[in-house]
């Protein structure tokens, strides 16, 4: 999920930062950022909270330049 990585980097956060905030392992966040991985909805909610964005911002068309308009 490219949007997660883009948002994470835009906020200046490391994989470990997001993992800690989301209650996940760093490798789990790394896997989720890779193409083709299909995370659980609850995992996406945790990551969205960790990034302080709405869940829809994690999807390619969910937000405009990182600002969701859900």
C-alpha atoms as a PDB file:
ATOM      1  CA  UNK A   1       0.000   0.000   0.000  1.00  0.00           C
ATOM      2  CA  UNK A   2       2.003   2.852  -1.386  1.00  0.00           C
ATOM      3  CA  UNK A   3      -0.099   5.506   0.351  1.00  0.00           C
ATOM      4  CA  UNK A   4       0.986   4.257   3.777  1.00  0.00           C
ATOM      5  CA  UNK A   5       4.651   4.600   2.928  1.00  0.00           C
ATOM      6  CA  UNK A   6       4.080   8.002   1.322  1.00  0.00           C
ATOM      7  CA  UNK A   7       2.219   9.288   4.390  1.00  0.00           C
ATOM      8  CA  UNK A   8       4.777   7.789   6.764  1.00  0.00           C
ATOM      9  CA  UNK A   9       7.680   9.448   4.974  1.00  0.00           C
ATOM     10  CA  UNK A  10       5.814  12.743   4.646  1.00  0.00           C
ATOM     11  CA  UNK A  11       5.377  12.767   8.420  1.00  0.00           C
ATOM     12  CA  UNK A  12       9.033  11.887   8.952  1.00  0.00           C
ATOM     13  CA  UNK A  13       8.260   8.609  10.667  1.00  0.00           C
ATOM     14  CA  UNK A  14      10.253   5.393  10.518  1.00  0.00           C
ATOM     15  CA  UNK A  15       8.768   1.922  10.167  1.00  0.00           C
ATOM     16  CA  UNK A  16       9.487   1.419  13.872  1.00  0.00           C
ATOM     17  CA  UNK A  17       7.685   4.663  14.776  1.00  0.00           C
ATOM     18  CA  UNK A  18       4.513   3.607  12.974  1.00  0.00           C
ATOM     19  CA  UNK A  19       4.767   0.055  14.295  1.00  0.00           C
ATOM     20  CA  UNK A  20       5.101   1.259  17.891  1.00  0.00           C
ATOM     21  CA  UNK A  21       2.183   3.666  17.551  1.00  0.00           C
ATOM     22  CA  UNK A  22       0.012   1.018  15.888  1.00  0.00           C
ATOM     23  CA  UNK A  23       0.959  -1.831  18.209  1.00  0.00           C
ATOM     24  CA  UNK A  24       2.493  -3.829  15.368  1.00  0.00           C
ATOM     25  CA  UNK A  25       5.887  -5.314  14.607  1.00  0.00           C
ATOM     26  CA  UNK A  26       8.140  -3.263  12.329  1.00  0.00           C
ATOM     27  CA  UNK A  27       8.249  -6.100   9.792  1.00  0.00           C
ATOM     28  CA  UNK A  28       4.449  -6.175   9.660  1.00  0.00           C
ATOM     29  CA  UNK A  29       4.377  -2.520   8.643  1.00  0.00           C
ATOM     30  CA  UNK A  30       7.108  -3.162   6.063  1.00  0.00           C
ATOM     31  CA  UNK A  31       5.054  -6.034   4.559  1.00  0.00           C
ATOM     32  CA  UNK A  32       1.936  -3.873   4.429  1.00  0.00           C
ATOM     33  CA  UNK A  33       3.823  -1.188   2.508  1.00  0.00           C
ATOM     34  CA  UNK A  34       4.806  -3.686  -0.181  1.00  0.00           C
ATOM     35  CA  UNK A  35       2.590  -4.113  -3.245  1.00  0.00           C
ATOM     36  CA  UNK A  36       0.151  -6.986  -3.191  1.00  0.00           C
ATOM     37  CA  UNK A  37      -0.227  -7.315   0.574  1.00  0.00           C
ATOM     38  CA  UNK A  38      -3.825  -7.355   1.815  1.00  0.00           C
ATOM     39  CA  UNK A  39      -3.934  -6.354   5.514  1.00  0.00           C
ATOM     40  CA  UNK A  40      -6.909  -6.804   7.817  1.00  0.00           C
ATOM     41  CA  UNK A  41      -9.254  -3.872   8.288  1.00  0.00           C
ATOM     42  CA  UNK A  42      -8.305  -3.663  11.974  1.00  0.00           C
ATOM     43  CA  UNK A  43      -4.645  -3.335  10.997  1.00  0.00           C
ATOM     44  CA  UNK A  44      -5.469  -0.486   8.620  1.00  0.00           C
ATOM     45  CA  UNK A  45      -7.398   1.273  11.387  1.00  0.00           C
ATOM     46  CA  UNK A  46      -4.393   0.956  13.709  1.00  0.00           C
ATOM     47  CA  UNK A  47      -2.033   2.321  11.056  1.00  0.00           C
ATOM     48  CA  UNK A  48      -4.375   5.195  10.237  1.00  0.00           C
ATOM     49  CA  UNK A  49      -4.470   6.137  13.917  1.00  0.00           C
ATOM     50  CA  UNK A  50      -0.692   5.865  14.113  1.00  0.00           C
ATOM     51  CA  UNK A  51      -0.377   8.243  11.150  1.00  0.00           C
ATOM     52  CA  UNK A  52      -3.185  10.499  12.458  1.00  0.00           C
ATOM     53  CA  UNK A  53      -5.182  10.236   9.229  1.00  0.00           C
ATOM     54  CA  UNK A  54      -8.592   8.787   8.347  1.00  0.00           C
ATOM     55  CA  UNK A  55      -8.542   5.225   7.028  1.00  0.00           C
ATOM     56  CA  UNK A  56      -9.555   6.372   3.550  1.00  0.00           C
ATOM     57  CA  UNK A  57      -6.257   8.304   3.294  1.00  0.00           C
ATOM     58  CA  UNK A  58      -4.450   4.952   3.189  1.00  0.00           C
ATOM     59  CA  UNK A  59      -5.930   4.171  -0.192  1.00  0.00           C
ATOM     60  CA  UNK A  60      -4.646   5.558  -3.453  1.00  0.00           C
ATOM     61  CA  UNK A  61      -7.700   7.703  -4.185  1.00  0.00           C
ATOM     62  CA  UNK A  62      -8.727   8.280  -0.579  1.00  0.00           C
ATOM     63  CA  UNK A  63      -7.151  11.645  -0.138  1.00  0.00           C
ATOM     64  CA  UNK A  64      -5.794  14.563  -2.070  1.00  0.00           C
ATOM     65  CA  UNK A  65      -2.061  14.967  -1.402  1.00  0.00           C
ATOM     66  CA  UNK A  66      -2.372  13.180   1.939  1.00  0.00           C
ATOM     67  CA  UNK A  67      -5.430  15.161   3.064  1.00  0.00           C
ATOM     68  CA  UNK A  68      -8.435  12.882   3.042  1.00  0.00           C
ATOM     69  CA  UNK A  69     -11.770  14.160   1.927  1.00  0.00           C
ATOM     70  CA  UNK A  70     -13.827  11.114   2.940  1.00  0.00           C
END
